[in-house]
Structures are given as structure tokens and as C-alpha cells.
Amino acid sequence: MLKALNKWVKHKQRQQGDLMDETWVIRHLKPDVFIDVGANTGQFSGKARRRGFKGLVIALEPVSHLFEKLVTKNKSQKNWININKGVSNQAGKTKIYVCDGHGGTSSVLQPTEALTVNSNTAVTHTETIELCTLDGIIAEHTPNLDNIYIKVDVQGLELQVMQGLEKYTDKVIGCRLEMAINTSDYENQPNMWEIITYMDKKGFALVDLEHTWRNYTIPTKDLLYIDGVFLNRNKVV
């Protein structure tokens, strides 16, 4: 099934170009807003800016030291909002497990031994964070903008993040979501098929894939995570 999906993706790429590339997103989808969920220090949003995006950026990062770096790194940016919150399917407060290294493996879901056995991804401490929803973000910051592109990289919470988009689905033209092939890193982590099925039911078509993490410790270098681009069938014609 995955082989057939990859074959179809390559066919779409020949027809339309590289849908993973921020330049393609900017030129062809013409988003008004980039919502960057799990922004870390703003790598994705910053790249979009460098590729020519001049619209509103909303960057959300819940981990305190990463948020401080996000603010400092992008303090000269115009039309840019930084929010020190996580995103889920309901607002409130919760605990996040903060991991070592670049902090990119930090998650609201509890990491398993498969992840924490590595010193670069071991949990160093926990923090209490605020949670909001995509509906809440859009209602507060972009109620009059109708072409929103969302990137979500939140270490296993991607499905819950998208479940928080109900009222404003028609405003979202596309999403880029990290998805797990191997779900052994976090407790109760959904796999890629659960996310693809949910997005399909919500009217979003999977149109491109890109591998992001491999297991380089074994000869086969198994894929662990991929990013998928989903486009809203009701908005992309």
C-alpha cells in the first residue's frame, strides 16, 4: 500500500512540482497566514519568509527555553506573532516532557524507553504549559483571512491538534503534518494511517510525502517519520 502511495505521489509531483517546497506553497496556494505549530526556534516559518512569504506568521512553541530563542531569533520580523502555548483538541493546561538536545523530541505524550535510552533525546524535566486549539487561534488572530496554511510538528500530538480544527476548516487551504511510521517513541502515539484517514474524512487529500527521520543505527535505515502535505479539496481547484 505504501509503495502504491509513493508511486501516486511521484506522479503528482511530475504534474505539479514539489508540493513539499515552501516556494511552491507560496506561489501556488497563496496563503495569507502560516500557522507554525511546534515552531521550535522558527525554522519552518523563517524558511518561508526567506522564500518570499510576506503574510502573517503565527508561531506557537510551548517549551520555555525554545520559546525564548524563537522570540530572540525573530524579533526583527514584521507581521509575526509568537505564542508560548501548545495546541491540542481542547484548551487548558497540561504537562510536557522536555527532552535534551535541540528539544525537538519534547512532547505532551510520555516518551518511551525506545526514545529516552538515547542521551540526546532523554527527558531532562517537565513543564506545565497552556494549551489552545486551532479554532481558537484562528478566531483570535485571523478571523477575516481565508487562506491559511498550517504546519504541525508536535511529536505524536498531530492528530489531536487537527481535531481542534472544526469551525474554521473552510479557511485552511493546506497542512503539513509530521506522521509516525514507527509508533514506539511515545505512549498512545497515533500512526500515519490514523492521521491520513482522519484528514481524508475532514476533506483533506494527501498529495505529497517527505521522509524526515530514519533509524541510521541499523543496516536497512528504516523510515521512522515522514511529513505529509494535505490540501483542502474544497479550496484547491
Protein backbone atom coordinates (compact mmCIF):
# COMPACT_ATOMS: atom_id res chain seq x y z
CA MET A 1 0.00 0.00 0.00
CA LEU A 2 2.82 2.41 0.89
CA LYS A 3 4.58 1.55 -2.41
CA ALA A 4 1.43 2.38 -4.36
CA LEU A 5 1.01 5.63 -2.43
CA ASN A 6 4.59 6.67 -3.19
CA LYS A 7 4.05 5.90 -6.89
CA TRP A 8 0.98 8.12 -6.93
CA VAL A 9 2.82 10.91 -5.10
CA LYS A 10 5.64 10.86 -7.65
CA HIS A 11 3.06 11.10 -10.45
CA LYS A 12 1.52 14.18 -8.79
CA GLN A 13 4.96 15.70 -8.37
CA ARG A 14 5.66 15.35 -12.10
CA GLN A 15 2.36 17.10 -12.79
CA GLN A 16 2.50 19.88 -10.21
CA GLY A 17 6.06 20.27 -8.91
CA ASP A 18 7.42 19.72 -5.40
CA LEU A 19 4.47 20.29 -3.07
CA MET A 20 6.73 19.99 -0.01
CA ASP A 21 8.67 23.09 -1.03
CA GLU A 22 7.68 26.33 0.68
CA THR A 23 8.20 28.23 -2.59
CA TRP A 24 5.54 26.08 -4.28
CA VAL A 25 3.16 26.64 -1.38
CA ILE A 26 3.67 30.41 -1.52
CA ARG A 27 3.35 30.73 -5.30
CA HIS A 28 0.51 28.29 -5.95
CA LEU A 29 -1.56 28.21 -2.77
CA LYS A 30 -1.02 31.91 -1.99
CA PRO A 31 -1.64 31.62 1.76
CA ASP A 32 -2.48 34.71 3.85
CA VAL A 33 -1.24 33.05 7.03
CA PHE A 34 1.30 30.46 8.10
CA ILE A 35 0.40 28.84 11.44
CA ASP A 36 3.51 27.07 12.75
CA VAL A 37 2.51 24.60 15.49
CA GLY A 38 5.55 23.29 17.32
CA ALA A 39 7.71 26.09 15.96
CA ASN A 40 10.84 25.27 17.97
CA THR A 41 13.01 28.35 17.12
CA GLY A 42 11.11 29.20 13.94
CA GLN A 43 12.98 27.13 11.37
CA PHE A 44 9.95 26.42 9.16
CA SER A 45 8.43 29.90 9.34
CA GLY A 46 11.81 31.54 8.86
CA LYS A 47 12.40 29.48 5.73
CA ALA A 48 9.00 30.54 4.39
CA ARG A 49 9.97 34.17 4.99
CA ARG A 50 13.24 33.71 3.12
CA ARG A 51 11.32 32.13 0.24
CA GLY A 52 9.22 35.26 -0.11
CA PHE A 53 6.21 34.85 2.19
CA LYS A 54 5.06 38.29 3.37
CA GLY A 55 1.81 37.36 5.12
CA LEU A 56 1.10 36.78 8.80
CA VAL A 57 3.15 34.18 10.68
CA ILE A 58 1.75 32.73 13.92
CA ALA A 59 4.44 30.64 15.62
CA LEU A 60 3.48 28.53 18.64
CA GLU A 61 6.08 26.93 20.90
CA PRO A 62 5.26 25.70 24.44
CA VAL A 63 8.74 24.83 25.78
CA SER A 64 10.07 27.86 27.67
CA HIS A 65 13.72 27.93 26.58
CA LEU A 66 12.81 27.25 22.95
CA PHE A 67 10.20 30.00 23.03
CA GLU A 68 12.81 32.46 24.31
CA LYS A 69 15.05 31.54 21.36
CA LEU A 70 12.09 31.85 18.99
CA VAL A 71 11.38 35.39 20.19
CA THR A 72 15.03 36.46 20.10
CA LYS A 73 15.72 34.95 16.69
CA ASN A 74 12.71 36.59 15.06
CA LYS A 75 12.43 39.87 16.98
CA SER A 76 13.03 41.95 13.84
CA GLN A 77 10.33 40.15 11.84
CA LYS A 78 7.25 42.12 10.81
CA ASN A 79 3.75 40.65 10.73
CA TRP A 80 4.87 37.84 13.06
CA ILE A 81 3.17 36.65 16.27
CA ASN A 82 4.90 34.36 18.79
CA ILE A 83 2.69 32.43 21.23
CA ASN A 84 4.04 30.46 24.21
CA LYS A 85 1.41 27.70 24.08
CA GLY A 86 0.86 24.17 22.89
CA VAL A 87 -2.02 23.18 20.63
CA SER A 88 -4.45 20.30 21.10
CA ASN A 89 -8.14 19.41 20.67
CA GLN A 90 -9.17 21.46 23.69
CA ALA A 91 -7.84 24.42 25.64
CA GLY A 92 -6.44 24.03 29.15
CA LYS A 93 -3.19 23.13 30.85
CA THR A 94 -1.04 20.01 30.74
CA LYS A 95 2.46 18.67 31.33
CA ILE A 96 5.10 18.48 28.63
CA TYR A 97 8.16 16.23 28.78
CA VAL A 98 11.17 18.34 27.79
CA CYS A 99 13.95 16.40 26.11
CA ASP A 100 17.64 17.11 25.77
CA GLY A 101 19.48 18.25 22.65
CA HIS A 102 17.62 20.58 20.29
CA GLY A 103 14.36 19.96 22.18
CA GLY A 104 12.65 18.67 19.07
CA THR A 105 11.61 15.41 20.73
CA SER A 106 9.78 17.12 23.61
CA SER A 107 6.15 16.04 23.80
CA VAL A 108 2.93 16.12 25.78
CA LEU A 109 2.86 12.35 25.27
CA GLN A 110 5.12 10.40 27.60
CA PRO A 111 8.31 9.25 25.84
CA THR A 112 9.06 5.54 25.98
CA GLU A 113 12.36 3.86 26.75
CA ALA A 114 12.93 3.46 23.00
CA LEU A 115 13.38 7.24 22.82
CA THR A 116 14.87 8.12 26.19
CA VAL A 117 17.62 5.48 26.06
CA ASN A 118 19.47 7.90 23.77
CA SER A 119 21.21 10.64 25.78
CA ASN A 120 20.38 13.21 23.06
CA THR A 121 16.65 12.62 23.47
CA ALA A 122 16.44 11.83 27.20
CA VAL A 123 13.86 13.70 29.28
CA THR A 124 15.53 16.40 31.38
CA HIS A 125 12.45 17.85 33.12
CA THR A 126 8.75 18.59 32.73
CA GLU A 127 6.93 21.91 32.41
CA THR A 128 3.30 22.90 32.84
CA ILE A 129 2.09 24.53 29.64
CA GLU A 130 -1.05 26.20 28.35
CA LEU A 131 -2.98 24.63 25.50
CA CYS A 132 -5.15 26.26 22.86
CA THR A 133 -6.92 24.99 19.72
CA LEU A 134 -6.57 25.83 16.04
CA ASP A 135 -10.13 27.14 16.10
CA GLY A 136 -9.18 29.44 18.99
CA ILE A 137 -6.05 30.72 17.23
CA ILE A 138 -7.92 31.47 14.01
CA ALA A 139 -10.82 33.15 15.82
CA GLU A 140 -8.47 35.41 17.81
CA HIS A 141 -5.84 36.29 15.23
CA THR A 142 -7.13 35.66 11.69
CA PRO A 143 -10.96 35.87 11.66
CA ASN A 144 -11.02 37.76 8.34
CA LEU A 145 -8.35 35.78 6.47
CA ASP A 146 -9.44 32.81 4.38
CA ASN A 147 -6.29 31.16 3.05
CA ILE A 148 -4.42 29.56 5.95
CA TYR A 149 -1.55 27.06 5.73
CA ILE A 150 -0.71 25.05 8.85
CA LYS A 151 2.47 23.16 9.72
CA VAL A 152 2.26 20.76 12.68
CA ASP A 153 5.31 19.05 14.23
CA VAL A 154 4.45 18.13 17.81
CA GLN A 155 5.88 14.65 18.41
CA GLY A 156 2.82 12.44 18.36
CA LEU A 157 0.09 15.00 19.08
CA GLU A 158 -0.59 15.90 15.42
CA LEU A 159 -3.95 14.12 15.32
CA GLN A 160 -5.21 15.90 18.44
CA VAL A 161 -4.05 19.23 17.02
CA MET A 162 -6.10 18.69 13.85
CA GLN A 163 -9.11 17.58 15.92
CA GLY A 164 -9.11 21.13 17.29
CA LEU A 165 -9.96 22.46 13.82
CA GLU A 166 -13.74 22.25 13.44
CA LYS A 167 -15.35 25.65 12.94
CA TYR A 168 -12.75 27.07 10.53
CA THR A 169 -11.87 24.09 8.33
CA ASP A 170 -13.04 26.04 5.26
CA LYS A 171 -10.36 28.70 5.91
CA VAL A 172 -7.47 26.21 5.75
CA ILE A 173 -6.08 25.59 2.27
CA GLY A 174 -3.46 23.06 3.33
CA CYS A 175 -1.42 21.45 6.09
CA ARG A 176 1.99 19.88 6.55
CA LEU A 177 1.96 17.22 9.28
CA GLU A 178 4.66 15.02 10.74
CA MET A 179 3.49 11.39 10.95
CA ALA A 180 5.00 8.33 12.58
CA ILE A 181 5.58 5.05 10.79
CA ASN A 182 7.09 3.52 13.92
CA THR A 183 4.96 4.48 16.94
CA SER A 184 7.26 3.17 19.67
CA ASP A 185 8.64 6.57 20.79
CA TYR A 186 5.64 7.88 22.77
CA GLU A 187 2.77 6.39 24.71
CA ASN A 188 -0.51 6.29 22.71
CA GLN A 189 1.13 7.76 19.63
CA PRO A 190 -1.09 7.56 16.50
CA ASN A 191 0.42 6.15 13.32
CA MET A 192 0.41 7.73 9.88
CA TRP A 193 -2.60 5.76 8.67
CA GLU A 194 -4.78 7.05 11.50
CA ILE A 195 -3.84 10.61 10.61
CA ILE A 196 -4.31 10.11 6.85
CA THR A 197 -7.73 8.51 7.43
CA TYR A 198 -8.85 11.34 9.71
CA MET A 199 -7.65 14.05 7.31
CA ASP A 200 -9.39 12.34 4.39
CA LYS A 201 -12.69 12.31 6.29
CA LYS A 202 -12.23 16.04 7.00
CA GLY A 203 -11.83 16.76 3.29
CA PHE A 204 -8.03 16.99 3.05
CA ALA A 205 -6.25 14.97 0.35
CA LEU A 206 -2.72 13.65 0.91
CA VAL A 207 -0.71 14.98 -2.05
CA ASP A 208 2.96 14.65 -1.09
CA LEU A 209 5.34 12.90 1.30
CA GLU A 210 8.87 13.52 2.53
CA HIS A 211 10.91 11.40 4.93
CA THR A 212 12.21 13.28 7.99
CA TRP A 213 13.69 10.67 10.36
CA ARG A 214 15.47 7.41 9.68
CA ASN A 215 16.98 4.84 12.02
CA TYR A 216 20.61 5.07 10.96
CA THR A 217 21.68 2.60 13.65
CA ILE A 218 20.52 -0.42 11.62
CA PRO A 219 21.58 -1.59 8.13
CA THR A 220 18.18 -1.05 6.50
CA LYS A 221 17.92 2.53 7.82
CA ASP A 222 14.19 2.16 8.40
CA LEU A 223 11.94 5.18 7.99
CA LEU A 224 10.57 6.36 11.34
CA TYR A 225 8.79 9.63 10.50
CA ILE A 226 7.52 11.34 7.37
CA ASP A 227 5.94 14.70 6.63
CA GLY A 228 2.73 14.71 4.62
CA VAL A 229 1.18 17.63 2.74
CA PHE A 230 -2.63 17.71 2.73
CA LEU A 231 -4.70 20.05 0.57
CA ASN A 232 -8.34 21.04 1.18
CA ARG A 233 -10.42 19.51 -1.60
CA ASN A 234 -13.00 22.27 -1.29
CA LYS A 235 -10.46 25.08 -1.77
CA VAL A 236 -7.88 23.77 -4.24
CA VAL A 237 -9.29 23.61 -7.77
